[in-house]
């Protein structure tokens, strides 16, 4: 399903805040939905890549991180890991640690496994791993488990006010 701003009433009823942001900004995207398997041992991003038949280097996970006590949104390939030191440096901080799941859910309005960098309850500085620029498009969470949005890295950065930095490893 490809959208380029504006959605039908039927789609709007099931739209997430992430989709609403893209629609409001007129950003082109493709919506993918799949049945999430709660017993999957792959992790949310890798499960999505496998079910959608998309290379895991193009599927990006969203992590909430505390850098010097302030929350930051990190977007990194599902095929790798977040480099906490690199993220801290990217936002001119010293110490970074993953936010607790309950805190991540509270501040974003999404549940773990469905946290999107788009349409969070509160806005946070966002850093996207620079490898996103190596691809025509990437996939990020659409705001629900089993829902992904395909966008260009540049459009995602504009929609979230993000910067790019080398914050991913492996």
Protein backbone atom coordinates (compact mmCIF):
# COMPACT_ATOMS: atom_id res chain seq x y z
CA UNK A 1 0.00 0.00 0.00
CA UNK A 2 1.61 3.30 -1.08
CA UNK A 3 0.50 6.60 0.40
CA UNK A 4 1.46 10.08 -0.63
CA UNK A 5 -0.25 12.31 1.90
CA UNK A 6 -3.91 12.03 2.81
CA UNK A 7 -5.65 8.80 3.68
CA UNK A 8 -9.10 7.40 3.25
CA UNK A 9 -11.54 7.51 6.18
CA UNK A 10 -11.11 3.76 6.60
CA UNK A 11 -7.32 4.05 6.79
CA UNK A 12 -7.50 7.14 9.01
CA UNK A 13 -9.49 5.22 11.62
CA UNK A 14 -6.66 2.70 11.96
CA UNK A 15 -3.84 5.21 11.47
CA UNK A 16 -1.18 5.55 14.10
CA UNK A 17 0.41 8.84 15.15
CA UNK A 18 3.42 7.84 13.00
CA UNK A 19 1.24 7.59 9.90
CA UNK A 20 -0.52 10.83 10.78
CA UNK A 21 2.83 12.68 10.85
CA UNK A 22 3.77 11.43 7.38
CA UNK A 23 0.32 12.27 6.00
CA UNK A 24 0.36 15.76 7.54
CA UNK A 25 3.78 16.43 6.02
CA UNK A 26 2.86 14.96 2.63
CA UNK A 27 5.63 12.36 2.84
CA UNK A 28 5.43 9.38 0.47
CA UNK A 29 5.58 6.03 2.23
CA UNK A 30 4.67 2.40 1.85
CA UNK A 31 2.82 0.67 4.67
CA UNK A 32 3.58 -2.98 5.43
CA UNK A 33 1.63 -5.11 7.89
CA UNK A 34 2.34 -8.65 9.02
CA UNK A 35 1.23 -10.93 11.82
CA UNK A 36 3.61 -10.51 14.76
CA UNK A 37 4.58 -13.81 16.39
CA UNK A 38 4.91 -13.27 20.16
CA UNK A 39 6.98 -16.47 20.35
CA UNK A 40 9.55 -15.29 17.80
CA UNK A 41 13.11 -15.28 19.10
CA UNK A 42 14.36 -13.01 16.31
CA UNK A 43 13.54 -9.67 17.91
CA UNK A 44 10.98 -7.30 16.44
CA UNK A 45 13.11 -5.80 13.65
CA UNK A 46 14.58 -9.07 12.42
CA UNK A 47 11.17 -10.74 12.59
CA UNK A 48 9.73 -7.98 10.41
CA UNK A 49 12.57 -8.28 7.91
CA UNK A 50 12.09 -12.06 7.69
CA UNK A 51 8.30 -11.89 7.33
CA UNK A 52 8.46 -9.11 4.74
CA UNK A 53 11.38 -10.64 2.81
CA UNK A 54 13.43 -7.45 3.16
CA UNK A 55 17.15 -7.30 3.97
CA UNK A 56 17.62 -6.65 7.70
CA UNK A 57 20.14 -3.88 6.91
CA UNK A 58 17.19 -1.86 5.52
CA UNK A 59 14.92 -2.48 8.52
CA UNK A 60 15.69 -0.02 11.32
CA UNK A 61 14.76 -0.36 14.97
CA UNK A 62 13.91 2.54 17.25
CA UNK A 63 15.52 2.64 20.69
CA UNK A 64 14.97 5.13 23.48
CA UNK A 65 18.20 6.01 25.23
CA UNK A 66 19.09 8.21 28.19
CA UNK A 67 22.09 10.39 27.45
CA UNK A 68 23.26 12.29 30.52
CA UNK A 69 19.72 11.87 31.90
CA UNK A 70 17.92 13.19 28.79
CA UNK A 71 15.98 10.95 26.41
CA UNK A 72 17.18 10.54 22.83
CA UNK A 73 15.65 8.47 20.03
CA UNK A 74 18.17 6.26 18.21
CA UNK A 75 17.34 4.61 14.87
CA UNK A 76 19.71 1.80 13.87
CA UNK A 77 19.64 -1.23 11.55
CA UNK A 78 17.88 -4.25 13.05
CA UNK A 79 20.80 -6.33 11.78
CA UNK A 80 23.20 -4.69 14.23
CA UNK A 81 23.43 -2.98 17.58
CA UNK A 82 23.46 0.55 18.92
CA UNK A 83 26.86 1.94 19.90
CA UNK A 84 25.97 3.83 23.09
CA UNK A 85 29.26 5.77 23.20
CA UNK A 86 28.83 6.90 19.60
CA UNK A 87 25.25 8.02 20.29
CA UNK A 88 26.35 10.00 23.35
CA UNK A 89 29.06 11.69 21.29
CA UNK A 90 26.58 12.45 18.48
CA UNK A 91 24.43 14.48 20.87
CA UNK A 92 27.41 16.00 22.72
CA UNK A 93 26.86 13.86 25.80
CA UNK A 94 29.08 11.67 27.91
CA UNK A 95 27.09 8.70 29.20
CA UNK A 96 24.32 6.73 27.50
CA UNK A 97 22.15 3.84 28.63
CA UNK A 98 19.01 2.25 27.23
CA UNK A 99 15.82 3.61 28.76
CA UNK A 100 13.72 1.14 30.70
CA UNK A 101 10.89 -0.31 28.60
CA UNK A 102 8.16 1.24 30.80
CA UNK A 103 9.74 4.69 30.45
CA UNK A 104 10.14 4.28 26.68
CA UNK A 105 6.45 3.37 26.40
CA UNK A 106 5.35 6.25 28.63
CA UNK A 107 7.25 8.97 26.76
CA UNK A 108 6.56 7.72 23.23
CA UNK A 109 2.96 6.55 23.56
CA UNK A 110 3.89 3.29 21.83
CA UNK A 111 4.51 -0.21 23.16
CA UNK A 112 7.92 -1.87 22.96
CA UNK A 113 8.20 -3.59 19.59
CA UNK A 114 6.04 -0.89 18.04
CA UNK A 115 7.96 2.24 19.01
CA UNK A 116 8.27 4.51 16.01
CA UNK A 117 10.60 7.47 15.65
CA UNK A 118 7.58 9.31 14.21
CA UNK A 119 4.62 10.70 16.14
CA UNK A 120 5.92 10.20 19.65
CA UNK A 121 3.95 11.79 22.52
CA UNK A 122 6.89 14.03 23.33
CA UNK A 123 9.57 15.02 20.88
CA UNK A 124 13.13 13.94 21.59
CA UNK A 125 16.41 14.56 19.80
CA UNK A 126 16.64 11.85 17.15
CA UNK A 127 19.76 10.35 15.59
CA UNK A 128 19.60 7.98 12.61
CA UNK A 129 22.54 5.72 11.84
CA UNK A 130 24.28 7.11 8.76
CA UNK A 131 24.03 3.71 7.01
CA UNK A 132 20.40 4.63 6.30
CA UNK A 133 21.71 6.95 3.58
CA UNK A 134 23.17 3.91 1.76
CA UNK A 135 19.67 2.73 0.80
CA UNK A 136 16.99 4.17 -1.47
CA UNK A 137 14.47 3.50 1.30
CA UNK A 138 14.44 2.08 4.82
CA UNK A 139 11.71 0.62 7.02
CA UNK A 140 10.86 1.83 10.53
CA UNK A 141 8.07 0.92 12.89
CA UNK A 142 4.68 2.27 11.97
CA UNK A 143 3.67 2.54 15.60
CA UNK A 144 2.36 -0.99 16.18
CA UNK A 145 3.90 -4.42 16.36
CA UNK A 146 3.62 -5.94 12.90
CA UNK A 147 3.47 -2.58 11.10
CA UNK A 148 6.36 -1.00 9.19
CA UNK A 149 6.67 2.16 7.13
CA UNK A 150 9.03 2.40 4.17
CA UNK A 151 10.43 5.90 3.66
CA UNK A 152 13.57 7.58 2.41
CA UNK A 153 16.14 8.34 5.09
CA UNK A 154 16.01 12.02 4.13
CA UNK A 155 12.22 12.13 4.55
CA UNK A 156 12.47 10.38 7.92
CA UNK A 157 15.10 12.89 9.07
CA UNK A 158 12.94 15.83 7.97
CA UNK A 159 9.81 14.41 9.62
CA UNK A 160 11.59 13.82 12.94
CA UNK A 161 14.13 16.64 12.92
CA UNK A 162 16.84 13.97 13.09
CA UNK A 163 20.54 14.12 12.45
CA UNK A 164 22.71 11.36 10.99
CA UNK A 165 25.74 9.83 12.72
CA UNK A 166 27.63 6.53 12.84
CA UNK A 167 25.77 5.10 15.86
CA UNK A 168 25.31 1.48 14.74
CA UNK A 169 27.68 -1.47 14.96
CA UNK A 170 27.82 -4.85 13.28
